[in-house]
C-alpha atoms as a PDB file:
ATOM      1  CA  UNK A   1       0.000   0.000   0.000  1.00  0.00           C
ATOM      2  CA  UNK A   2       1.302   3.443  -0.809  1.00  0.00           C
ATOM      3  CA  UNK A   3       1.959   5.644   2.219  1.00  0.00           C
ATOM      4  CA  UNK A   4      -0.086   8.535   0.853  1.00  0.00           C
ATOM      5  CA  UNK A   5      -3.211   8.481  -1.264  1.00  0.00           C
ATOM      6  CA  UNK A   6      -2.642   9.296  -4.916  1.00  0.00           C
ATOM      7  CA  UNK A   7      -6.313  10.171  -5.184  1.00  0.00           C
ATOM      8  CA  UNK A   8      -7.416  11.476  -1.800  1.00  0.00           C
ATOM      9  CA  UNK A   9     -10.853  10.684  -0.425  1.00  0.00           C
ATOM     10  CA  UNK A  10     -13.285  13.591  -0.421  1.00  0.00           C
ATOM     11  CA  UNK A  11     -14.455  14.692   3.008  1.00  0.00           C
ATOM     12  CA  UNK A  12     -18.211  14.267   3.355  1.00  0.00           C
ATOM     13  CA  UNK A  13     -18.790  18.008   3.839  1.00  0.00           C
ATOM     14  CA  UNK A  14     -16.747  18.828   0.711  1.00  0.00           C
ATOM     15  CA  UNK A  15     -18.544  16.496  -1.710  1.00  0.00           C
ATOM     16  CA  UNK A  16     -20.330  17.911  -4.701  1.00  0.00           C
ATOM     17  CA  UNK A  17     -24.037  17.276  -5.115  1.00  0.00           C
ATOM     18  CA  UNK A  18     -23.118  14.885  -7.934  1.00  0.00           C
ATOM     19  CA  UNK A  19     -20.794  12.904  -5.640  1.00  0.00           C
ATOM     20  CA  UNK A  20     -23.435  12.733  -2.898  1.00  0.00           C
ATOM     21  CA  UNK A  21     -26.023  11.555  -5.428  1.00  0.00           C
ATOM     22  CA  UNK A  22     -23.647   8.885  -6.759  1.00  0.00           C
ATOM     23  CA  UNK A  23     -22.994   7.593  -3.248  1.00  0.00           C
ATOM     24  CA  UNK A  24     -26.708   7.414  -2.465  1.00  0.00           C
ATOM     25  CA  UNK A  25     -27.361   5.940   0.988  1.00  0.00           C
ATOM     26  CA  UNK A  26     -23.598   5.670   1.581  1.00  0.00           C
ATOM     27  CA  UNK A  27     -23.493   9.475   1.788  1.00  0.00           C
ATOM     28  CA  UNK A  28     -26.017   9.585   4.648  1.00  0.00           C
ATOM     29  CA  UNK A  29     -23.340   8.714   7.191  1.00  0.00           C
ATOM     30  CA  UNK A  30     -21.163  11.413   8.736  1.00  0.00           C
ATOM     31  CA  UNK A  31     -18.143   9.279   7.871  1.00  0.00           C
ATOM     32  CA  UNK A  32     -17.822   7.690   4.440  1.00  0.00           C
ATOM     33  CA  UNK A  33     -15.298   4.859   4.049  1.00  0.00           C
ATOM     34  CA  UNK A  34     -12.142   5.859   2.200  1.00  0.00           C
ATOM     35  CA  UNK A  35     -12.929   3.526  -0.702  1.00  0.00           C
ATOM     36  CA  UNK A  36     -16.240   5.259  -1.400  1.00  0.00           C
ATOM     37  CA  UNK A  37     -14.944   8.764  -0.664  1.00  0.00           C
ATOM     38  CA  UNK A  38     -12.148   8.094  -3.169  1.00  0.00           C
ATOM     39  CA  UNK A  39     -14.422   6.627  -5.832  1.00  0.00           C
ATOM     40  CA  UNK A  40     -16.648   9.707  -5.363  1.00  0.00           C
ATOM     41  CA  UNK A  41     -13.877  11.670  -7.099  1.00  0.00           C
ATOM     42  CA  UNK A  42     -15.425  10.250 -10.290  1.00  0.00           C
ATOM     43  CA  UNK A  43     -19.156  10.295  -9.525  1.00  0.00           C
ATOM     44  CA  UNK A  44     -20.344   9.203 -12.967  1.00  0.00           C
ATOM     45  CA  UNK A  45     -18.060   6.162 -13.006  1.00  0.00           C
ATOM     46  CA  UNK A  46     -19.023   5.187  -9.471  1.00  0.00           C
ATOM     47  CA  UNK A  47     -22.743   5.638 -10.176  1.00  0.00           C
ATOM     48  CA  UNK A  48     -22.467   3.313 -13.171  1.00  0.00           C
ATOM     49  CA  UNK A  49     -20.377   0.725 -11.294  1.00  0.00           C
ATOM     50  CA  UNK A  50     -22.719   0.425  -8.290  1.00  0.00           C
ATOM     51  CA  UNK A  51     -25.469  -1.699  -9.905  1.00  0.00           C
ATOM     52  CA  UNK A  52     -22.912  -4.251 -11.058  1.00  0.00           C
ATOM     53  CA  UNK A  53     -21.035  -4.209  -7.756  1.00  0.00           C
ATOM     54  CA  UNK A  54     -24.326  -4.700  -5.914  1.00  0.00           C
ATOM     55  CA  UNK A  55     -25.090  -7.713  -8.078  1.00  0.00           C
ATOM     56  CA  UNK A  56     -21.738  -9.304  -7.259  1.00  0.00           C
ATOM     57  CA  UNK A  57     -22.010  -8.680  -3.511  1.00  0.00           C
ATOM     58  CA  UNK A  58     -25.707  -9.082  -2.845  1.00  0.00           C
ATOM     59  CA  UNK A  59     -27.487 -10.769  -5.743  1.00  0.00           C
ATOM     60  CA  UNK A  60     -25.033 -13.278  -7.187  1.00  0.00           C
ATOM     61  CA  UNK A  61     -26.234 -16.859  -7.384  1.00  0.00           C
ATOM     62  CA  UNK A  62     -23.278 -18.247  -5.421  1.00  0.00           C
ATOM     63  CA  UNK A  63     -23.265 -18.243  -1.634  1.00  0.00           C
ATOM     64  CA  UNK A  64     -22.176 -15.093   0.156  1.00  0.00           C
ATOM     65  CA  UNK A  65     -19.525 -17.041   2.086  1.00  0.00           C
ATOM     66  CA  UNK A  66     -18.068 -18.358  -1.165  1.00  0.00           C
ATOM     67  CA  UNK A  67     -18.169 -14.885  -2.727  1.00  0.00           C
ATOM     68  CA  UNK A  68     -16.171 -13.529   0.208  1.00  0.00           C
ATOM     69  CA  UNK A  69     -13.678 -16.401  -0.033  1.00  0.00           C
ATOM     70  CA  UNK A  70     -13.027 -15.533  -3.685  1.00  0.00           C
ATOM     71  CA  UNK A  71     -12.770 -11.792  -2.937  1.00  0.00           C
ATOM     72  CA  UNK A  72     -10.336 -12.367  -0.086  1.00  0.00           C
ATOM     73  CA  UNK A  73      -8.121 -14.578  -2.234  1.00  0.00           C
ATOM     74  CA  UNK A  74      -7.956 -12.130  -5.150  1.00  0.00           C
ATOM     75  CA  UNK A  75      -7.246  -9.342  -2.645  1.00  0.00           C
ATOM     76  CA  UNK A  76      -4.423 -11.390  -1.147  1.00  0.00           C
ATOM     77  CA  UNK A  77      -2.924 -12.237  -4.543  1.00  0.00           C
ATOM     78  CA  UNK A  78      -3.007  -8.562  -5.512  1.00  0.00           C
ATOM     79  CA  UNK A  79      -1.620  -7.535  -2.121  1.00  0.00           C
ATOM     80  CA  UNK A  80      -4.597  -5.215  -1.818  1.00  0.00           C
ATOM     81  CA  UNK A  81      -4.643  -4.712   1.927  1.00  0.00           C
ATOM     82  CA  UNK A  82      -7.642  -2.392   1.898  1.00  0.00           C
ATOM     83  CA  UNK A  83      -9.683  -4.958  -0.022  1.00  0.00           C
ATOM     84  CA  UNK A  84      -8.597  -7.762   2.279  1.00  0.00           C
ATOM     85  CA  UNK A  85      -9.312  -5.741   5.428  1.00  0.00           C
ATOM     86  CA  UNK A  86     -12.751  -4.625   4.236  1.00  0.00           C
ATOM     87  CA  UNK A  87     -13.747  -8.157   3.282  1.00  0.00           C
ATOM     88  CA  UNK A  88     -12.341  -9.759   6.422  1.00  0.00           C
ATOM     89  CA  UNK A  89     -15.208  -8.205   8.379  1.00  0.00           C
ATOM     90  CA  UNK A  90     -17.697  -9.060   5.637  1.00  0.00           C
ATOM     91  CA  UNK A  91     -16.371 -12.614   5.414  1.00  0.00           C
ATOM     92  CA  UNK A  92     -16.837 -13.131   9.149  1.00  0.00           C
ATOM     93  CA  UNK A  93     -20.402 -11.839   8.861  1.00  0.00           C
ATOM     94  CA  UNK A  94     -21.049 -14.176   5.933  1.00  0.00           C
ATOM     95  CA  UNK A  95     -19.859 -17.412   7.501  1.00  0.00           C
ATOM     96  CA  UNK A  96     -16.080 -17.602   7.134  1.00  0.00           C
ATOM     97  CA  UNK A  97     -14.092 -18.288  10.275  1.00  0.00           C
ATOM     98  CA  UNK A  98     -11.096 -16.257  11.386  1.00  0.00           C
ATOM     99  CA  UNK A  99      -8.923 -19.322  10.754  1.00  0.00           C
ATOM    100  CA  UNK A 100     -10.211 -19.672   7.202  1.00  0.00           C
ATOM    101  CA  UNK A 101      -9.595 -15.993   6.506  1.00  0.00           C
ATOM    102  CA  UNK A 102      -6.011 -16.266   7.756  1.00  0.00           C
ATOM    103  CA  UNK A 103      -5.552 -19.416   5.637  1.00  0.00           C
ATOM    104  CA  UNK A 104      -6.691 -17.624   2.466  1.00  0.00           C
ATOM    105  CA  UNK A 105      -3.151 -16.285   2.052  1.00  0.00           C
ATOM    106  CA  UNK A 106      -1.877 -19.884   1.741  1.00  0.00           C
ATOM    107  CA  UNK A 107      -4.253 -20.608  -1.111  1.00  0.00           C
ATOM    108  CA  UNK A 108      -5.850 -23.816  -2.357  1.00  0.00           C
ATOM    109  CA  UNK A 109      -2.978 -26.089  -1.291  1.00  0.00           C
ATOM    110  CA  UNK A 110      -3.507 -25.338   2.406  1.00  0.00           C
ATOM    111  CA  UNK A 111      -4.991 -28.107   4.523  1.00  0.00           C
ATOM    112  CA  UNK A 112      -8.588 -27.870   5.669  1.00  0.00           C
ATOM    113  CA  UNK A 113     -10.498 -26.572   2.644  1.00  0.00           C
ATOM    114  CA  UNK A 114     -13.672 -28.306   1.535  1.00  0.00           C
ATOM    115  CA  UNK A 115     -13.685 -29.508  -2.094  1.00  0.00           C
ATOM    116  CA  UNK A 116     -15.801 -26.482  -3.138  1.00  0.00           C
ATOM    117  CA  UNK A 117     -13.603 -23.991  -1.262  1.00  0.00           C
ATOM    118  CA  UNK A 118     -10.483 -25.519  -2.801  1.00  0.00           C
ATOM    119  CA  UNK A 119     -11.993 -25.310  -6.310  1.00  0.00           C
ATOM    120  CA  UNK A 120     -12.959 -21.654  -5.764  1.00  0.00           C
ATOM    121  CA  UNK A 121      -9.442 -20.814  -4.590  1.00  0.00           C
ATOM    122  CA  UNK A 122      -7.960 -22.688  -7.566  1.00  0.00           C
ATOM    123  CA  UNK A 123     -10.213 -20.695  -9.915  1.00  0.00           C
ATOM    124  CA  UNK A 124      -9.031 -17.444  -8.364  1.00  0.00           C
ATOM    125  CA  UNK A 125      -5.372 -18.458  -8.648  1.00  0.00           C
ATOM    126  CA  UNK A 126      -5.771 -19.608 -12.248  1.00  0.00           C
ATOM    127  CA  UNK A 127      -7.603 -16.468 -13.341  1.00  0.00           C
ATOM    128  CA  UNK A 128      -4.996 -14.304 -11.618  1.00  0.00           C
ATOM    129  CA  UNK A 129      -2.045 -16.185 -13.127  1.00  0.00           C
ATOM    130  CA  UNK A 130      -3.313 -16.965 -16.601  1.00  0.00           C
ATOM    131  CA  UNK A 131      -6.641 -15.267 -17.222  1.00  0.00           C
ATOM    132  CA  UNK A 132      -8.597 -18.535 -17.482  1.00  0.00           C
ATOM    133  CA  UNK A 133     -10.038 -21.258 -15.267  1.00  0.00           C
ATOM    134  CA  UNK A 134      -8.522 -24.606 -16.269  1.00  0.00           C
ATOM    135  CA  UNK A 135     -10.721 -27.411 -17.601  1.00  0.00           C
ATOM    136  CA  UNK A 136      -9.992 -29.500 -14.506  1.00  0.00           C
ATOM    137  CA  UNK A 137     -10.979 -26.747 -12.071  1.00  0.00           C
ATOM    138  CA  UNK A 138     -14.041 -25.874 -14.177  1.00  0.00           C
ATOM    139  CA  UNK A 139     -15.178 -29.499 -13.971  1.00  0.00           C
ATOM    140  CA  UNK A 140     -14.691 -29.488 -10.182  1.00  0.00           C
ATOM    141  CA  UNK A 141     -16.722 -26.299  -9.847  1.00  0.00           C
ATOM    142  CA  UNK A 142     -19.423 -27.681 -12.163  1.00  0.00           C
ATOM    143  CA  UNK A 143     -20.018 -30.465  -9.636  1.00  0.00           C
ATOM    144  CA  UNK A 144     -21.354 -27.764  -7.285  1.00  0.00           C
ATOM    145  CA  UNK A 145     -22.451 -24.910  -9.556  1.00  0.00           C
ATOM    146  CA  UNK A 146     -24.795 -24.464 -12.492  1.00  0.00           C
ATOM    147  CA  UNK A 147     -24.054 -22.189 -15.466  1.00  0.00           C
ATOM    148  CA  UNK A 148     -25.237 -18.962 -13.793  1.00  0.00           C
ATOM    149  CA  UNK A 149     -23.249 -19.706 -10.668  1.00  0.00           C
ATOM    150  CA  UNK A 150     -20.108 -20.389 -12.687  1.00  0.00           C
ATOM    151  CA  UNK A 151     -20.599 -17.089 -14.487  1.00  0.00           C
ATOM    152  CA  UNK A 152     -21.191 -15.224 -11.219  1.00  0.00           C
ATOM    153  CA  UNK A 153     -18.022 -16.715  -9.726  1.00  0.00           C
ATOM    154  CA  UNK A 154     -15.847 -15.609 -12.649  1.00  0.00           C
ATOM    155  CA  UNK A 155     -17.414 -12.141 -12.691  1.00  0.00           C
ATOM    156  CA  UNK A 156     -16.971 -11.813  -8.919  1.00  0.00           C
ATOM    157  CA  UNK A 157     -13.291 -12.661  -9.142  1.00  0.00           C
ATOM    158  CA  UNK A 158     -12.783 -10.334 -12.097  1.00  0.00           C
ATOM    159  CA  UNK A 159     -14.629  -7.465 -10.449  1.00  0.00           C
ATOM    160  CA  UNK A 160     -12.567  -7.654  -7.296  1.00  0.00           C
ATOM    161  CA  UNK A 161      -9.361  -8.044  -9.262  1.00  0.00           C
ATOM    162  CA  UNK A 162     -10.218  -4.688 -10.871  1.00  0.00           C
ATOM    163  CA  UNK A 163     -11.181  -3.169  -7.521  1.00  0.00           C
ATOM    164  CA  UNK A 164      -7.913  -4.403  -5.984  1.00  0.00           C
ATOM    165  CA  UNK A 165      -5.934  -2.794  -8.796  1.00  0.00           C
ATOM    166  CA  UNK A 166      -7.861   0.439  -8.306  1.00  0.00           C
ATOM    167  CA  UNK A 167      -7.375   0.544  -4.540  1.00  0.00           C
ATOM    168  CA  UNK A 168      -3.652  -0.162  -4.863  1.00  0.00           C
ATOM    169  CA  UNK A 169      -3.127   2.316  -7.698  1.00  0.00           C
ATOM    170  CA  UNK A 170      -5.175   5.096  -6.079  1.00  0.00           C
ATOM    171  CA  UNK A 171      -3.412   4.558  -2.743  1.00  0.00           C
ATOM    172  CA  UNK A 172      -6.623   4.148  -0.746  1.00  0.00           C
ATOM    173  CA  UNK A 173      -5.649   4.124   2.925  1.00  0.00           C
ATOM    174  CA  UNK A 174      -7.168   1.871   5.576  1.00  0.00           C
ATOM    175  CA  UNK A 175     -10.055   3.309   7.542  1.00  0.00           C
ATOM    176  CA  UNK A 176      -9.470   3.331  11.304  1.00  0.00           C
ATOM    177  CA  UNK A 177     -11.965   0.492  11.800  1.00  0.00           C
ATOM    178  CA  UNK A 178     -10.074  -1.768   9.363  1.00  0.00           C
ATOM    179  CA  UNK A 179      -7.215  -2.860  11.557  1.00  0.00           C
ATOM    180  CA  UNK A 180      -8.062  -6.404  12.649  1.00  0.00           C
ATOM    181  CA  UNK A 181      -7.148  -8.595   9.691  1.00  0.00           C
ATOM    182  CA  UNK A 182      -4.383 -11.125   9.061  1.00  0.00           C
ATOM    183  CA  UNK A 183      -1.883  -9.464   6.714  1.00  0.00           C
ATOM    184  CA  UNK A 184       1.447 -11.255   6.173  1.00  0.00           C
ATOM    185  CA  UNK A 185       2.949  -8.831   3.650  1.00  0.00           C
ATOM    186  CA  UNK A 186       5.383  -6.001   4.398  1.00  0.00           C
ATOM    187  CA  UNK A 187       4.965  -4.036   1.181  1.00  0.00           C
END
């Protein structure tokens, strides 16, 4: 993580009407998370991204726990600490254990994953490394998922790969509440 933001978050009281409108209900709080206050620098982009991001997080056909597992792994591979910290709390709320979240950094070869979890982690690693899920991993996932679920998984991983790149490149700094997450990297 960069030590200073390249694109600083906008303070809530300094946001334009367009930024507030783009944030919607997120702007109703006195304190807006750094990720959203940074993305508000480009209100039109953020406004257009939100429906898709909401689908991935809240309406995808795969389980919320599995979505968080995939997001945490792509965040770890990208060394996107903000992403990992934000989704540590969400992962705990959605059924992951603290031990599983810490183990995400070890990837699919770590002991203790269920067959579905292992296949999800393999898919993340393969997409990150080569831009494609292998036939073998696809077949493993297809034992658990139908076509829509397979599509949602790939789109979820891709979306949070892009978000990880954005957070790292923009230099989004951790919010004060995002301090309790296992982070083994000393970037």
